Amino acid sequence: MAQQFVNSKIKADKVVVFIKPTCPYCRKTIELLKQLPIKLESLEFVDITAHSDTNGIQNYLQQLTGARTVPRVFIGKECIGGCSDLITLEQNGQLLQKLQQIGVLQ
């Protein structure tokens, strides 16, 4: 069920971030992404604590991405990692390029 839930959220033309609202890294990730010119319908934050199988979701994210920590940031079908990975991409100038490649910029 967790696998189906996660897979249903990840889309080739979306930015999806799996979060826990109390996590400071999740809040920082949300802030950063909301400052970018991403189409509203192409950006989704998924609160895994609102799901009954939070542990199952994190276990499946570990299988899928190599880490069970949040945030887990997917740009299209690619997991780019967490908050620090997102910041690194932005600093390298690669973040907007990746977002443009999947067509989510306004």
N, C-alpha and C. Protein backbone atom coordinates (compact mmCIF):
# COMPACT_ATOMS: atom_id res chain seq x y z
N MET A 1 0.83 -1.20 0.00
CA MET A 1 0.00 0.00 0.00
C MET A 1 0.87 1.27 0.00
N ALA A 2 1.92 1.27 0.80
CA ALA A 2 2.83 2.43 0.84
C ALA A 2 3.49 2.62 -0.53
N GLN A 3 3.89 1.50 -1.14
CA GLN A 3 4.53 1.55 -2.45
C GLN A 3 3.59 2.16 -3.49
N GLN A 4 2.36 1.71 -3.48
CA GLN A 4 1.34 2.22 -4.42
C GLN A 4 1.10 3.71 -4.18
N PHE A 5 1.03 4.12 -2.91
CA PHE A 5 0.81 5.52 -2.56
C PHE A 5 1.94 6.40 -3.09
N VAL A 6 3.18 6.01 -2.81
CA VAL A 6 4.35 6.79 -3.26
C VAL A 6 4.40 6.85 -4.79
N ASN A 7 4.24 5.69 -5.44
CA ASN A 7 4.31 5.65 -6.90
C ASN A 7 3.21 6.48 -7.56
N SER A 8 2.05 6.57 -6.90
CA SER A 8 0.95 7.36 -7.48
C SER A 8 1.25 8.86 -7.44
N LYS A 9 2.13 9.28 -6.54
CA LYS A 9 2.47 10.70 -6.40
C LYS A 9 3.56 11.15 -7.36
N ILE A 10 4.51 10.26 -7.66
CA ILE A 10 5.67 10.63 -8.48
C ILE A 10 5.26 10.66 -9.96
N LYS A 11 5.42 11.82 -10.58
CA LYS A 11 5.02 11.99 -11.99
C LYS A 11 6.16 12.64 -12.76
N ALA A 12 6.26 12.33 -14.03
CA ALA A 12 7.33 12.84 -14.88
C ALA A 12 7.30 14.35 -15.03
N ASP A 13 6.10 14.95 -14.87
CA ASP A 13 5.96 16.40 -15.11
C ASP A 13 5.62 17.16 -13.83
N LYS A 14 6.13 16.66 -12.68
CA LYS A 14 5.85 17.31 -11.39
C LYS A 14 7.08 17.32 -10.50
N VAL A 15 7.06 18.24 -9.56
CA VAL A 15 8.03 18.24 -8.47
C VAL A 15 7.24 17.79 -7.24
N VAL A 16 7.66 16.67 -6.65
CA VAL A 16 6.97 16.11 -5.50
C VAL A 16 7.96 15.98 -4.36
N VAL A 17 7.56 16.46 -3.19
CA VAL A 17 8.42 16.41 -2.01
C VAL A 17 7.67 15.70 -0.89
N PHE A 18 8.24 14.61 -0.41
CA PHE A 18 7.67 13.89 0.73
C PHE A 18 8.22 14.53 1.99
N ILE A 19 7.32 14.98 2.87
CA ILE A 19 7.72 15.78 4.04
C ILE A 19 7.05 15.30 5.32
N LYS A 20 7.59 15.81 6.43
CA LYS A 20 6.93 15.80 7.73
C LYS A 20 6.88 17.28 8.14
N PRO A 21 5.71 17.80 8.48
CA PRO A 21 5.57 19.24 8.74
C PRO A 21 6.44 19.77 9.88
N THR A 22 6.83 18.92 10.82
CA THR A 22 7.63 19.38 11.95
C THR A 22 9.12 19.40 11.64
N CYS A 23 9.53 18.87 10.51
CA CYS A 23 10.95 18.76 10.16
C CYS A 23 11.49 20.09 9.64
N PRO A 24 12.55 20.63 10.27
CA PRO A 24 13.10 21.92 9.83
C PRO A 24 13.68 21.87 8.41
N TYR A 25 14.23 20.72 8.01
CA TYR A 25 14.77 20.59 6.65
C TYR A 25 13.64 20.58 5.63
N CYS A 26 12.51 20.01 6.01
CA CYS A 26 11.34 20.02 5.13
C CYS A 26 10.84 21.45 4.94
N ARG A 27 10.78 22.20 6.04
CA ARG A 27 10.31 23.60 5.95
C ARG A 27 11.25 24.43 5.07
N LYS A 28 12.53 24.21 5.20
CA LYS A 28 13.52 24.94 4.40
C LYS A 28 13.37 24.58 2.91
N THR A 29 13.13 23.31 2.63
CA THR A 29 12.93 22.84 1.26
C THR A 29 11.68 23.48 0.65
N ILE A 30 10.60 23.51 1.43
CA ILE A 30 9.34 24.12 0.97
C ILE A 30 9.57 25.60 0.65
N GLU A 31 10.24 26.30 1.55
CA GLU A 31 10.55 27.73 1.34
C GLU A 31 11.30 27.95 0.04
N LEU A 32 12.37 27.16 -0.15
CA LEU A 32 13.21 27.31 -1.35
C LEU A 32 12.39 27.07 -2.61
N LEU A 33 11.63 25.97 -2.64
CA LEU A 33 10.87 25.64 -3.85
C LEU A 33 9.76 26.65 -4.13
N LYS A 34 9.15 27.20 -3.09
CA LYS A 34 8.07 28.18 -3.29
C LYS A 34 8.59 29.50 -3.85
N GLN A 35 9.88 29.76 -3.73
CA GLN A 35 10.46 30.99 -4.27
C GLN A 35 10.74 30.88 -5.77
N LEU A 36 10.70 29.66 -6.30
CA LEU A 36 11.01 29.44 -7.71
C LEU A 36 9.76 29.58 -8.56
N PRO A 37 9.94 29.92 -9.84
CA PRO A 37 8.77 30.12 -10.73
C PRO A 37 8.18 28.79 -11.23
N ILE A 38 7.80 27.93 -10.28
CA ILE A 38 7.22 26.64 -10.63
C ILE A 38 5.70 26.80 -10.71
N LYS A 39 5.10 26.22 -11.75
CA LYS A 39 3.63 26.26 -11.87
C LYS A 39 3.03 25.60 -10.63
N LEU A 40 2.00 26.24 -10.07
CA LEU A 40 1.37 25.73 -8.84
C LEU A 40 0.93 24.27 -8.96
N GLU A 41 0.34 23.92 -10.10
CA GLU A 41 -0.17 22.56 -10.27
C GLU A 41 0.96 21.53 -10.45
N SER A 42 2.18 22.01 -10.64
CA SER A 42 3.31 21.11 -10.86
C SER A 42 4.16 20.89 -9.60
N LEU A 43 3.72 21.44 -8.47
CA LEU A 43 4.48 21.32 -7.23
C LEU A 43 3.58 20.73 -6.15
N GLU A 44 4.02 19.61 -5.57
CA GLU A 44 3.20 18.98 -4.53
C GLU A 44 4.08 18.60 -3.33
N PHE A 45 3.58 18.95 -2.16
CA PHE A 45 4.22 18.55 -0.91
C PHE A 45 3.33 17.49 -0.27
N VAL A 46 3.88 16.31 -0.05
CA VAL A 46 3.10 15.19 0.49
C VAL A 46 3.50 14.97 1.95
N ASP A 47 2.56 15.27 2.85
CA ASP A 47 2.78 15.09 4.28
C ASP A 47 2.59 13.61 4.61
N ILE A 48 3.70 12.90 4.84
CA ILE A 48 3.59 11.46 5.08
C ILE A 48 3.02 11.14 6.46
N THR A 49 3.01 12.12 7.36
CA THR A 49 2.43 11.87 8.69
C THR A 49 0.90 11.84 8.64
N ALA A 50 0.33 12.33 7.55
CA ALA A 50 -1.12 12.31 7.40
C ALA A 50 -1.60 10.94 6.89
N HIS A 51 -0.67 10.09 6.56
CA HIS A 51 -0.96 8.76 6.04
C HIS A 51 -0.83 7.75 7.18
N SER A 52 -1.66 6.74 7.17
CA SER A 52 -1.64 5.77 8.28
C SER A 52 -0.38 4.91 8.32
N ASP A 53 0.33 4.81 7.18
CA ASP A 53 1.50 3.94 7.12
C ASP A 53 2.79 4.75 6.90
N THR A 54 3.04 5.71 7.79
CA THR A 54 4.22 6.58 7.67
C THR A 54 5.51 5.76 7.60
N ASN A 55 5.63 4.76 8.47
CA ASN A 55 6.83 3.91 8.46
C ASN A 55 6.99 3.16 7.16
N GLY A 56 5.90 2.62 6.66
CA GLY A 56 5.93 1.89 5.39
C GLY A 56 6.36 2.79 4.25
N ILE A 57 5.87 4.02 4.26
CA ILE A 57 6.25 4.98 3.22
C ILE A 57 7.75 5.26 3.31
N GLN A 58 8.26 5.49 4.51
CA GLN A 58 9.69 5.77 4.66
C GLN A 58 10.53 4.55 4.26
N ASN A 59 10.06 3.36 4.59
CA ASN A 59 10.78 2.15 4.19
C ASN A 59 10.83 2.02 2.67
N TYR A 60 9.70 2.31 2.01
CA TYR A 60 9.68 2.22 0.55
C TYR A 60 10.55 3.32 -0.06
N LEU A 61 10.53 4.52 0.51
CA LEU A 61 11.40 5.59 0.02
C LEU A 61 12.87 5.17 0.13
N GLN A 62 13.20 4.43 1.19
CA GLN A 62 14.57 3.93 1.33
C GLN A 62 14.91 2.97 0.20
N GLN A 63 14.01 2.05 -0.10
CA GLN A 63 14.22 1.10 -1.22
C GLN A 63 14.42 1.86 -2.51
N LEU A 64 13.58 2.87 -2.71
CA LEU A 64 13.55 3.62 -3.97
C LEU A 64 14.74 4.56 -4.13
N THR A 65 15.15 5.21 -3.03
CA THR A 65 16.11 6.31 -3.14
C THR A 65 17.41 6.11 -2.35
N GLY A 66 17.43 5.08 -1.50
CA GLY A 66 18.62 4.85 -0.70
C GLY A 66 18.61 5.56 0.64
N ALA A 67 17.55 6.32 0.92
CA ALA A 67 17.43 7.01 2.21
C ALA A 67 15.96 7.08 2.61
N ARG A 68 15.72 6.97 3.92
CA ARG A 68 14.32 7.03 4.39
C ARG A 68 14.02 8.35 5.05
N THR A 69 15.01 9.25 5.08
CA THR A 69 14.81 10.55 5.71
C THR A 69 13.95 11.46 4.82
N VAL A 70 13.33 12.44 5.44
CA VAL A 70 12.60 13.46 4.69
C VAL A 70 13.31 14.78 4.89
N PRO A 71 13.19 15.68 3.94
CA PRO A 71 12.40 15.56 2.73
C PRO A 71 13.08 14.65 1.69
N ARG A 72 12.26 14.04 0.87
CA ARG A 72 12.72 13.33 -0.33
C ARG A 72 12.16 14.12 -1.50
N VAL A 73 13.04 14.69 -2.31
CA VAL A 73 12.64 15.59 -3.40
C VAL A 73 12.73 14.86 -4.73
N PHE A 74 11.60 14.79 -5.43
CA PHE A 74 11.57 14.20 -6.76
C PHE A 74 11.33 15.30 -7.78
N ILE A 75 12.24 15.40 -8.74
CA ILE A 75 12.05 16.30 -9.87
C ILE A 75 11.75 15.38 -11.04
N GLY A 76 10.49 15.38 -11.43
CA GLY A 76 10.04 14.36 -12.37
C GLY A 76 10.13 13.01 -11.66
N LYS A 77 10.66 12.01 -12.35
CA LYS A 77 10.77 10.67 -11.76
C LYS A 77 12.09 10.48 -11.02
N GLU A 78 12.95 11.50 -11.04
CA GLU A 78 14.27 11.40 -10.43
C GLU A 78 14.28 11.96 -9.01
N CYS A 79 14.75 11.15 -8.06
CA CYS A 79 14.93 11.66 -6.70
C CYS A 79 16.29 12.34 -6.65
N ILE A 80 16.28 13.63 -6.33
CA ILE A 80 17.55 14.37 -6.27
C ILE A 80 18.11 14.36 -4.85
N GLY A 81 17.37 13.78 -3.90
CA GLY A 81 17.85 13.69 -2.53
C GLY A 81 17.00 14.50 -1.58
N GLY A 82 17.69 15.17 -0.64
CA GLY A 82 17.00 15.94 0.38
C GLY A 82 17.29 17.41 0.29
N CYS A 83 17.16 18.10 1.40
CA CYS A 83 17.31 19.55 1.47
C CYS A 83 18.69 20.02 1.01
N SER A 84 19.74 19.42 1.56
CA SER A 84 21.10 19.86 1.21
C SER A 84 21.41 19.60 -0.26
N ASP A 85 20.87 18.51 -0.82
CA ASP A 85 21.07 18.21 -2.24
C ASP A 85 20.37 19.27 -3.11
N LEU A 86 19.18 19.67 -2.68
CA LEU A 86 18.42 20.70 -3.39
C LEU A 86 19.19 22.03 -3.38
N ILE A 87 19.72 22.40 -2.22
CA ILE A 87 20.49 23.64 -2.09
C ILE A 87 21.73 23.59 -2.98
N THR A 88 22.42 22.45 -2.99
CA THR A 88 23.61 22.29 -3.84
C THR A 88 23.24 22.47 -5.31
N LEU A 89 22.14 21.86 -5.74
CA LEU A 89 21.70 22.01 -7.14
C LEU A 89 21.42 23.46 -7.47
N GLU A 90 20.79 24.16 -6.53
CA GLU A 90 20.48 25.58 -6.76
C GLU A 90 21.77 26.39 -6.87
N GLN A 91 22.71 26.14 -5.97
CA GLN A 91 23.97 26.89 -5.97
C GLN A 91 24.80 26.62 -7.23
N ASN A 92 24.68 25.41 -7.76
CA ASN A 92 25.42 25.05 -8.98
C ASN A 92 24.73 25.54 -10.25
N GLY A 93 23.54 26.11 -10.09
CA GLY A 93 22.78 26.57 -11.25
C GLY A 93 22.11 25.44 -12.01
N GLN A 94 22.04 24.26 -11.42
CA GLN A 94 21.46 23.11 -12.12
C GLN A 94 19.97 22.91 -11.81
N LEU A 95 19.49 23.53 -10.74
CA LEU A 95 18.10 23.30 -10.32
C LEU A 95 17.11 23.82 -11.37
N LEU A 96 17.25 25.06 -11.78
CA LEU A 96 16.33 25.61 -12.78
C LEU A 96 16.40 24.83 -14.08
N GLN A 97 17.60 24.38 -14.42
CA GLN A 97 17.80 23.58 -15.63
C GLN A 97 16.99 22.28 -15.55
N LYS A 98 17.07 21.61 -14.40
CA LYS A 98 16.31 20.36 -14.22
C LYS A 98 14.80 20.62 -14.26
N LEU A 99 14.38 21.73 -13.65
CA LEU A 99 12.96 22.07 -13.65
C LEU A 99 12.49 22.40 -15.06
N GLN A 100 13.33 23.05 -15.83
CA GLN A 100 12.99 23.38 -17.21
C GLN A 100 12.87 22.12 -18.05
N GLN A 101 13.74 21.16 -17.81
CA GLN A 101 13.73 19.90 -18.57
C GLN A 101 12.41 19.15 -18.43
N ILE A 102 11.78 19.23 -17.26
CA ILE A 102 10.50 18.52 -17.09
C ILE A 102 9.30 19.45 -17.34
N GLY A 103 9.56 20.70 -17.70
CA GLY A 103 8.49 21.61 -18.13
C GLY A 103 7.59 22.14 -17.03
N VAL A 104 8.15 22.39 -15.84
CA VAL A 104 7.29 22.87 -14.73
C VAL A 104 7.44 24.36 -14.44
N LEU A 105 8.32 25.04 -15.17
CA LEU A 105 8.51 26.48 -14.92
C LEU A 105 7.43 27.29 -15.59
N GLN A 106 7.06 28.41 -14.97
CA GLN A 106 6.01 29.28 -15.54
C GLN A 106 6.53 30.00 -16.76
